[in-house]
Amino acid sequence: MKYRIVKRGNPSNPAAPKKQYANAVNAGKFTLKSLAKEVSGRLSLTRKIINGLQQLVNHLNEQLCERATIEFTVQEYNKDYFKK
C-alpha cells in the first residue's frame, strides 16, 4: 500500500501543533476489462467472461440501489460442487 504523510491541525484547537497522519494513495484503476483480461489469461472464454462480469456489476448496482447488503466470501469449490 502506498501512502503519503499529511499534516493536519486540530479543528477544535487551531493553536495546537499539527500532527502527521498517513493518507492512503490510489494505486490506479482496476476496471472490469482489466479483470476480465487477467481472468481470461487463465481461461479461454474472454467474451463470455466480460459479459458475465458486466452482468454481475449490473446486478450488484441494482441490489445496492435497493439498499441490500452484499457479502463476498472466498470459497474453494471442488468439481462436484457444479454437478448439483
PDB file of N, CA and C in Angstrom:
ATOM      1  N   MET A   1       0.848  -1.170   0.000  1.00  0.00           N
ATOM      2  CA  MET A   1       0.000   0.000   0.000  1.00  0.00           C
ATOM      3  C   MET A   1       0.892   1.231   0.000  1.00  0.00           C
ATOM      4  N   LYS A   2       0.571   2.170  -0.855  1.00  0.00           N
ATOM      5  CA  LYS A   2       1.311   3.424  -0.899  1.00  0.00           C
ATOM      6  C   LYS A   2       0.577   4.458  -0.062  1.00  0.00           C
ATOM      7  N   TYR A   3       1.341   5.324   0.573  1.00  0.00           N
ATOM      8  CA  TYR A   3       0.738   6.377   1.374  1.00  0.00           C
ATOM      9  C   TYR A   3       1.645   7.596   1.365  1.00  0.00           C
ATOM     10  N   ARG A   4       1.079   8.702   1.764  1.00  0.00           N
ATOM     11  CA  ARG A   4       1.873   9.920   1.935  1.00  0.00           C
ATOM     12  C   ARG A   4       1.553  10.501   3.299  1.00  0.00           C
ATOM     13  N   ILE A   5       2.483  11.259   3.831  1.00  0.00           N
ATOM     14  CA  ILE A   5       2.307  11.866   5.152  1.00  0.00           C
ATOM     15  C   ILE A   5       1.676  13.243   4.972  1.00  0.00           C
ATOM     16  N   VAL A   6       0.624  13.498   5.752  1.00  0.00           N
ATOM     17  CA  VAL A   6      -0.114  14.753   5.679  1.00  0.00           C
ATOM     18  C   VAL A   6      -0.182  15.365   7.073  1.00  0.00           C
ATOM     19  N   LYS A   7       0.079  16.668   7.155  1.00  0.00           N
ATOM     20  CA  LYS A   7      -0.044  17.361   8.448  1.00  0.00           C
ATOM     21  C   LYS A   7      -1.466  17.896   8.572  1.00  0.00           C
ATOM     22  N   ARG A   8      -2.086  17.610   9.721  1.00  0.00           N
ATOM     23  CA  ARG A   8      -3.452  18.076   9.967  1.00  0.00           C
ATOM     24  C   ARG A   8      -3.512  18.729  11.336  1.00  0.00           C
ATOM     25  N   GLY A   9      -4.239  19.827  11.362  1.00  0.00           N
ATOM     26  CA  GLY A   9      -4.432  20.536  12.614  1.00  0.00           C
ATOM     27  C   GLY A   9      -5.661  20.045  13.348  1.00  0.00           C
ATOM     28  N   ASN A  10      -5.757  20.436  14.606  1.00  0.00           N
ATOM     29  CA  ASN A  10      -6.911  20.092  15.429  1.00  0.00           C
ATOM     30  C   ASN A  10      -7.966  21.176  15.222  1.00  0.00           C
ATOM     31  N   PRO A  11      -9.127  20.869  14.626  1.00  0.00           N
ATOM     32  CA  PRO A  11     -10.140  21.897  14.360  1.00  0.00           C
ATOM     33  C   PRO A  11     -10.698  22.544  15.635  1.00  0.00           C
ATOM     34  N   SER A  12     -10.681  21.815  16.744  1.00  0.00           N
ATOM     35  CA  SER A  12     -11.199  22.387  17.981  1.00  0.00           C
ATOM     36  C   SER A  12     -10.151  23.241  18.703  1.00  0.00           C
ATOM     37  N   ASN A  13      -8.901  23.134  18.282  1.00  0.00           N
ATOM     38  CA  ASN A  13      -7.836  23.930  18.884  1.00  0.00           C
ATOM     39  C   ASN A  13      -6.834  24.327  17.793  1.00  0.00           C
ATOM     40  N   PRO A  14      -7.133  25.369  17.036  1.00  0.00           N
ATOM     41  CA  PRO A  14      -6.274  25.758  15.923  1.00  0.00           C
ATOM     42  C   PRO A  14      -4.850  26.142  16.345  1.00  0.00           C
ATOM     43  N   ALA A  15      -4.653  26.494  17.584  1.00  0.00           N
ATOM     44  CA  ALA A  15      -3.323  26.887  18.056  1.00  0.00           C
ATOM     45  C   ALA A  15      -2.427  25.676  18.343  1.00  0.00           C
ATOM     46  N   ALA A  16      -3.016  24.523  18.484  1.00  0.00           N
ATOM     47  CA  ALA A  16      -2.242  23.312  18.777  1.00  0.00           C
ATOM     48  C   ALA A  16      -1.361  22.958  17.583  1.00  0.00           C
ATOM     49  N   PRO A  17      -0.223  22.354  17.843  1.00  0.00           N
ATOM     50  CA  PRO A  17       0.656  21.968  16.737  1.00  0.00           C
ATOM     51  C   PRO A  17      -0.008  20.905  15.852  1.00  0.00           C
ATOM     52  N   LYS A  18       0.307  20.962  14.571  1.00  0.00           N
ATOM     53  CA  LYS A  18      -0.264  19.991  13.637  1.00  0.00           C
ATOM     54  C   LYS A  18       0.408  18.637  13.831  1.00  0.00           C
ATOM     55  N   LYS A  19      -0.388  17.586  13.639  1.00  0.00           N
ATOM     56  CA  LYS A  19       0.120  16.222  13.740  1.00  0.00           C
ATOM     57  C   LYS A  19       0.227  15.632  12.340  1.00  0.00           C
ATOM     58  N   GLN A  20       1.084  14.632  12.201  1.00  0.00           N
ATOM     59  CA  GLN A  20       1.260  13.973  10.917  1.00  0.00           C
ATOM     60  C   GLN A  20       0.477  12.667  10.880  1.00  0.00           C
ATOM     61  N   TYR A  21      -0.208  12.454   9.746  1.00  0.00           N
ATOM     62  CA  TYR A  21      -1.021  11.256   9.563  1.00  0.00           C
ATOM     63  C   TYR A  21      -0.693  10.631   8.214  1.00  0.00           C
ATOM     64  N   ALA A  22      -0.825   9.309   8.134  1.00  0.00           N
ATOM     65  CA  ALA A  22      -0.660   8.610   6.859  1.00  0.00           C
ATOM     66  C   ALA A  22      -1.964   8.734   6.076  1.00  0.00           C
ATOM     67  N   ASN A  23      -1.842   9.043   4.796  1.00  0.00           N
ATOM     68  CA  ASN A  23      -3.000   9.173   3.928  1.00  0.00           C
ATOM     69  C   ASN A  23      -2.811   8.213   2.753  1.00  0.00           C
ATOM     70  N   ALA A  24      -3.737   7.265   2.571  1.00  0.00           N
ATOM     71  CA  ALA A  24      -3.617   6.269   1.504  1.00  0.00           C
ATOM     72  C   ALA A  24      -3.639   6.943   0.137  1.00  0.00           C
ATOM     73  N   VAL A  25      -2.829   6.418  -0.767  1.00  0.00           N
ATOM     74  CA  VAL A  25      -2.741   6.946  -2.126  1.00  0.00           C
ATOM     75  C   VAL A  25      -3.306   5.908  -3.078  1.00  0.00           C
ATOM     76  N   ASN A  26      -4.126   6.352  -4.020  1.00  0.00           N
ATOM     77  CA  ASN A  26      -4.725   5.474  -5.014  1.00  0.00           C
ATOM     78  C   ASN A  26      -3.618   4.868  -5.881  1.00  0.00           C
ATOM     79  N   ALA A  27      -3.643   3.555  -6.029  1.00  0.00           N
ATOM     80  CA  ALA A  27      -2.618   2.859  -6.804  1.00  0.00           C
ATOM     81  C   ALA A  27      -2.979   2.754  -8.276  1.00  0.00           C
ATOM     82  N   GLY A  28      -4.132   3.265  -8.679  1.00  0.00           N
ATOM     83  CA  GLY A  28      -4.542   3.209 -10.077  1.00  0.00           C
ATOM     84  C   GLY A  28      -5.904   2.571 -10.238  1.00  0.00           C
ATOM     85  N   LYS A  29      -6.355   2.511 -11.486  1.00  0.00           N
ATOM     86  CA  LYS A  29      -7.666   1.944 -11.788  1.00  0.00           C
ATOM     87  C   LYS A  29      -7.570   0.447 -12.019  1.00  0.00           C
ATOM     88  N   PHE A  30      -8.585  -0.241 -11.576  1.00  0.00           N
ATOM     89  CA  PHE A  30      -8.742  -1.663 -11.861  1.00  0.00           C
ATOM     90  C   PHE A  30     -10.128  -1.811 -12.431  1.00  0.00           C
ATOM     91  N   THR A  31     -10.230  -1.933 -13.747  1.00  0.00           N
ATOM     92  CA  THR A  31     -11.517  -1.940 -14.432  1.00  0.00           C
ATOM     93  C   THR A  31     -12.012  -3.363 -14.681  1.00  0.00           C
ATOM     94  N   LEU A  32     -13.260  -3.452 -15.116  1.00  0.00           N
ATOM     95  CA  LEU A  32     -13.807  -4.763 -15.486  1.00  0.00           C
ATOM     96  C   LEU A  32     -13.001  -5.380 -16.620  1.00  0.00           C
ATOM     97  N   LYS A  33     -12.587  -4.535 -17.554  1.00  0.00           N
ATOM     98  CA  LYS A  33     -11.826  -5.038 -18.689  1.00  0.00           C
ATOM     99  C   LYS A  33     -10.490  -5.631 -18.230  1.00  0.00           C
ATOM    100  N   SER A  34      -9.815  -4.945 -17.316  1.00  0.00           N
ATOM    101  CA  SER A  34      -8.541  -5.475 -16.830  1.00  0.00           C
ATOM    102  C   SER A  34      -8.755  -6.749 -16.017  1.00  0.00           C
ATOM    103  N   LEU A  35      -9.838  -6.797 -15.253  1.00  0.00           N
ATOM    104  CA  LEU A  35     -10.164  -8.007 -14.505  1.00  0.00           C
ATOM    105  C   LEU A  35     -10.444  -9.162 -15.466  1.00  0.00           C
ATOM    106  N   ALA A  36     -11.214  -8.890 -16.515  1.00  0.00           N
ATOM    107  CA  ALA A  36     -11.538  -9.928 -17.496  1.00  0.00           C
ATOM    108  C   ALA A  36     -10.282 -10.432 -18.195  1.00  0.00           C
ATOM    109  N   LYS A  37      -9.372  -9.518 -18.526  1.00  0.00           N
ATOM    110  CA  LYS A  37      -8.126  -9.939 -19.184  1.00  0.00           C
ATOM    111  C   LYS A  37      -7.288 -10.803 -18.254  1.00  0.00           C
ATOM    112  N   GLU A  38      -7.256 -10.424 -16.988  1.00  0.00           N
ATOM    113  CA  GLU A  38      -6.485 -11.209 -16.020  1.00  0.00           C
ATOM    114  C   GLU A  38      -7.078 -12.604 -15.864  1.00  0.00           C
ATOM    115  N   VAL A  39      -8.400 -12.678 -15.761  1.00  0.00           N
ATOM    116  CA  VAL A  39      -9.066 -13.974 -15.618  1.00  0.00           C
ATOM    117  C   VAL A  39      -8.936 -14.774 -16.911  1.00  0.00           C
ATOM    118  N   SER A  40      -9.072 -14.095 -18.057  1.00  0.00           N
ATOM    119  CA  SER A  40      -9.016 -14.815 -19.328  1.00  0.00           C
ATOM    120  C   SER A  40      -7.629 -15.362 -19.618  1.00  0.00           C
ATOM    121  N   GLY A  41      -6.610 -14.843 -18.927  1.00  0.00           N
ATOM    122  CA  GLY A  41      -5.283 -15.417 -19.061  1.00  0.00           C
ATOM    123  C   GLY A  41      -5.261 -16.842 -18.549  1.00  0.00           C
ATOM    124  N   ARG A  42      -6.193 -17.143 -17.676  1.00  0.00           N
ATOM    125  CA  ARG A  42      -6.291 -18.495 -17.121  1.00  0.00           C
ATOM    126  C   ARG A  42      -7.362 -19.319 -17.828  1.00  0.00           C
ATOM    127  N   LEU A  43      -8.259 -18.622 -18.524  1.00  0.00           N
ATOM    128  CA  LEU A  43      -9.358 -19.290 -19.238  1.00  0.00           C
ATOM    129  C   LEU A  43      -9.371 -18.807 -20.681  1.00  0.00           C
ATOM    130  N   SER A  44     -10.107 -19.483 -21.536  1.00  0.00           N
ATOM    131  CA  SER A  44     -10.112 -19.103 -22.947  1.00  0.00           C
ATOM    132  C   SER A  44     -11.435 -18.476 -23.395  1.00  0.00           C
ATOM    133  N   LEU A  45     -12.287 -18.082 -22.485  1.00  0.00           N
ATOM    134  CA  LEU A  45     -13.607 -17.560 -22.836  1.00  0.00           C
ATOM    135  C   LEU A  45     -13.703 -16.063 -22.562  1.00  0.00           C
ATOM    136  N   THR A  46     -12.825 -15.267 -23.146  1.00  0.00           N
ATOM    137  CA  THR A  46     -12.718 -13.843 -22.838  1.00  0.00           C
ATOM    138  C   THR A  46     -14.039 -13.109 -22.953  1.00  0.00           C
ATOM    139  N   ARG A  47     -14.743 -13.240 -24.079  1.00  0.00           N
ATOM    140  CA  ARG A  47     -16.001 -12.517 -24.283  1.00  0.00           C
ATOM    141  C   ARG A  47     -17.064 -12.916 -23.263  1.00  0.00           C
ATOM    142  N   LYS A  48     -17.148 -14.184 -22.993  1.00  0.00           N
ATOM    143  CA  LYS A  48     -18.131 -14.663 -22.011  1.00  0.00           C
ATOM    144  C   LYS A  48     -17.784 -14.158 -20.617  1.00  0.00           C
ATOM    145  N   ILE A  49     -16.492 -14.074 -20.311  1.00  0.00           N
ATOM    146  CA  ILE A  49     -16.071 -13.565 -19.007  1.00  0.00           C
ATOM    147  C   ILE A  49     -16.456 -12.097 -18.880  1.00  0.00           C
ATOM    148  N   ILE A  50     -16.176 -11.302 -19.918  1.00  0.00           N
ATOM    149  CA  ILE A  50     -16.524  -9.871 -19.889  1.00  0.00           C
ATOM    150  C   ILE A  50     -18.027  -9.700 -19.727  1.00  0.00           C
ATOM    151  N   ASN A  51     -18.808 -10.451 -20.479  1.00  0.00           N
ATOM    152  CA  ASN A  51     -20.267 -10.359 -20.370  1.00  0.00           C
ATOM    153  C   ASN A  51     -20.746 -10.781 -18.987  1.00  0.00           C
ATOM    154  N   GLY A  52     -20.172 -11.854 -18.460  1.00  0.00           N
ATOM    155  CA  GLY A  52     -20.559 -12.315 -17.125  1.00  0.00           C
ATOM    156  C   GLY A  52     -20.229 -11.293 -16.051  1.00  0.00           C
ATOM    157  N   LEU A  53     -19.049 -10.686 -16.140  1.00  0.00           N
ATOM    158  CA  LEU A  53     -18.674  -9.651 -15.168  1.00  0.00           C
ATOM    159  C   LEU A  53     -19.581  -8.433 -15.284  1.00  0.00           C
ATOM    160  N   GLN A  54     -19.929  -8.060 -16.518  1.00  0.00           N
ATOM    161  CA  GLN A  54     -20.814  -6.907 -16.712  1.00  0.00           C
ATOM    162  C   GLN A  54     -22.186  -7.185 -16.101  1.00  0.00           C
ATOM    163  N   GLN A  55     -22.696  -8.393 -16.293  1.00  0.00           N
ATOM    164  CA  GLN A  55     -23.976  -8.759 -15.694  1.00  0.00           C
ATOM    165  C   GLN A  55     -23.891  -8.734 -14.174  1.00  0.00           C
ATOM    166  N   LEU A  56     -22.775  -9.201 -13.628  1.00  0.00           N
ATOM    167  CA  LEU A  56     -22.567  -9.179 -12.181  1.00  0.00           C
ATOM    168  C   LEU A  56     -22.607  -7.753 -11.659  1.00  0.00           C
ATOM    169  N   VAL A  57     -21.882  -6.857 -12.309  1.00  0.00           N
ATOM    170  CA  VAL A  57     -21.845  -5.455 -11.875  1.00  0.00           C
ATOM    171  C   VAL A  57     -23.225  -4.819 -11.983  1.00  0.00           C
ATOM    172  N   ASN A  58     -23.940  -5.080 -13.063  1.00  0.00           N
ATOM    173  CA  ASN A  58     -25.299  -4.535 -13.215  1.00  0.00           C
ATOM    174  C   ASN A  58     -26.206  -5.016 -12.085  1.00  0.00           C
ATOM    175  N   HIS A  59     -26.113  -6.292 -11.777  1.00  0.00           N
ATOM    176  CA  HIS A  59     -26.952  -6.850 -10.710  1.00  0.00           C
ATOM    177  C   HIS A  59     -26.558  -6.272  -9.350  1.00  0.00           C
ATOM    178  N   LEU A  60     -25.248  -6.122  -9.106  1.00  0.00           N
ATOM    179  CA  LEU A  60     -24.798  -5.529  -7.844  1.00  0.00           C
ATOM    180  C   LEU A  60     -25.294  -4.096  -7.714  1.00  0.00           C
ATOM    181  N   ASN A  61     -25.239  -3.339  -8.803  1.00  0.00           N
ATOM    182  CA  ASN A  61     -25.744  -1.958  -8.773  1.00  0.00           C
ATOM    183  C   ASN A  61     -27.230  -1.923  -8.414  1.00  0.00           C
ATOM    184  N   GLU A  62     -28.009  -2.825  -9.017  1.00  0.00           N
ATOM    185  CA  GLU A  62     -29.442  -2.888  -8.711  1.00  0.00           C
ATOM    186  C   GLU A  62     -29.663  -3.186  -7.229  1.00  0.00           C
ATOM    187  N   GLN A  63     -28.920  -4.158  -6.707  1.00  0.00           N
ATOM    188  CA  GLN A  63     -29.087  -4.530  -5.305  1.00  0.00           C
ATOM    189  C   GLN A  63     -28.661  -3.405  -4.365  1.00  0.00           C
ATOM    190  N   LEU A  64     -27.580  -2.720  -4.704  1.00  0.00           N
ATOM    191  CA  LEU A  64     -27.122  -1.604  -3.869  1.00  0.00           C
ATOM    192  C   LEU A  64     -28.126  -0.454  -3.894  1.00  0.00           C
ATOM    193  N   CYS A  65     -28.746  -0.215  -5.048  1.00  0.00           N
ATOM    194  CA  CYS A  65     -29.773   0.832  -5.131  1.00  0.00           C
ATOM    195  C   CYS A  65     -30.981   0.495  -4.260  1.00  0.00           C
ATOM    196  N   GLU A  66     -31.222  -0.796  -4.069  1.00  0.00           N
ATOM    197  CA  GLU A  66     -32.316  -1.233  -3.203  1.00  0.00           C
ATOM    198  C   GLU A  66     -31.860  -1.356  -1.747  1.00  0.00           C
ATOM    199  N   ARG A  67     -30.647  -0.876  -1.459  1.00  0.00           N
ATOM    200  CA  ARG A  67     -30.071  -0.830  -0.120  1.00  0.00           C
ATOM    201  C   ARG A  67     -29.806  -2.225   0.454  1.00  0.00           C
ATOM    202  N   ALA A  68     -29.471  -3.164  -0.408  1.00  0.00           N
ATOM    203  CA  ALA A  68     -29.136  -4.517   0.035  1.00  0.00           C
ATOM    204  C   ALA A  68     -27.684  -4.552   0.515  1.00  0.00           C
ATOM    205  N   THR A  69     -27.395  -5.466   1.414  1.00  0.00           N
ATOM    206  CA  THR A  69     -26.029  -5.703   1.851  1.00  0.00           C
ATOM    207  C   THR A  69     -25.468  -6.814   0.985  1.00  0.00           C
ATOM    208  N   ILE A  70     -24.291  -6.590   0.430  1.00  0.00           N
ATOM    209  CA  ILE A  70     -23.667  -7.588  -0.431  1.00  0.00           C
ATOM    210  C   ILE A  70     -22.478  -8.171   0.306  1.00  0.00           C
ATOM    211  N   GLU A  71     -22.439  -9.484   0.350  1.00  0.00           N
ATOM    212  CA  GLU A  71     -21.374 -10.175   1.080  1.00  0.00           C
ATOM    213  C   GLU A  71     -20.611 -11.066   0.108  1.00  0.00           C
ATOM    214  N   PHE A  72     -19.301 -10.925   0.102  1.00  0.00           N
ATOM    215  CA  PHE A  72     -18.453 -11.766  -0.731  1.00  0.00           C
ATOM    216  C   PHE A  72     -17.647 -12.694   0.163  1.00  0.00           C
ATOM    217  N   THR A  73     -17.590 -13.944  -0.215  1.00  0.00           N
ATOM    218  CA  THR A  73     -16.748 -14.892   0.502  1.00  0.00           C
ATOM    219  C   THR A  73     -15.901 -15.638  -0.514  1.00  0.00           C
ATOM    220  N   VAL A  74     -14.748 -16.025  -0.103  1.00  0.00           N
ATOM    221  CA  VAL A  74     -13.869 -16.802  -0.970  1.00  0.00           C
ATOM    222  C   VAL A  74     -13.982 -18.248  -0.539  1.00  0.00           C
ATOM    223  N   GLN A  75     -14.350 -19.076  -1.489  1.00  0.00           N
ATOM    224  CA  GLN A  75     -14.508 -20.499  -1.186  1.00  0.00           C
ATOM    225  C   GLN A  75     -13.776 -21.314  -2.237  1.00  0.00           C
ATOM    226  N   GLU A  76     -13.300 -22.440  -1.820  1.00  0.00           N
ATOM    227  CA  GLU A  76     -12.701 -23.377  -2.760  1.00  0.00           C
ATOM    228  C   GLU A  76     -13.798 -24.350  -3.157  1.00  0.00           C
ATOM    229  N   TYR A  77     -14.072 -24.422  -4.445  1.00  0.00           N
ATOM    230  CA  TYR A  77     -15.097 -25.335  -4.926  1.00  0.00           C
ATOM    231  C   TYR A  77     -14.413 -26.550  -5.531  1.00  0.00           C
ATOM    232  N   ASN A  78     -14.952 -27.714  -5.193  1.00  0.00           N
ATOM    233  CA  ASN A  78     -14.429 -28.909  -5.858  1.00  0.00           C
ATOM    234  C   ASN A  78     -15.297 -29.178  -7.069  1.00  0.00           C
ATOM    235  N   LYS A  79     -14.861 -30.079  -7.924  1.00  0.00           N
ATOM    236  CA  LYS A  79     -15.583 -30.316  -9.171  1.00  0.00           C
ATOM    237  C   LYS A  79     -16.992 -30.845  -8.942  1.00  0.00           C
ATOM    238  N   ASP A  80     -17.267 -31.462  -7.800  1.00  0.00           N
ATOM    239  CA  ASP A  80     -18.601 -31.989  -7.513  1.00  0.00           C
ATOM    240  C   ASP A  80     -19.601 -30.863  -7.198  1.00  0.00           C
ATOM    241  N   TYR A  81     -19.097 -29.691  -6.808  1.00  0.00           N
ATOM    242  CA  TYR A  81     -19.990 -28.576  -6.460  1.00  0.00           C
ATOM    243  C   TYR A  81     -20.869 -28.184  -7.645  1.00  0.00           C
ATOM    244  N   PHE A  82     -20.300 -28.179  -8.840  1.00  0.00           N
ATOM    245  CA  PHE A  82     -21.030 -27.708 -10.010  1.00  0.00           C
ATOM    246  C   PHE A  82     -21.986 -28.758 -10.585  1.00  0.00           C
ATOM    247  N   LYS A  83     -21.948 -29.971 -10.054  1.00  0.00           N
ATOM    248  CA  LYS A  83     -22.853 -31.028 -10.506  1.00  0.00           C
ATOM    249  C   LYS A  83     -24.208 -30.961  -9.835  1.00  0.00           C
ATOM    250  N   LYS A  84     -24.335 -30.128  -8.785  1.00  0.00           N
ATOM    251  CA  LYS A  84     -25.580 -30.069  -8.015  1.00  0.00           C
ATOM    252  C   LYS A  84     -26.714 -29.489  -8.818  1.00  0.00           C
TER     253      LYS A  84
END
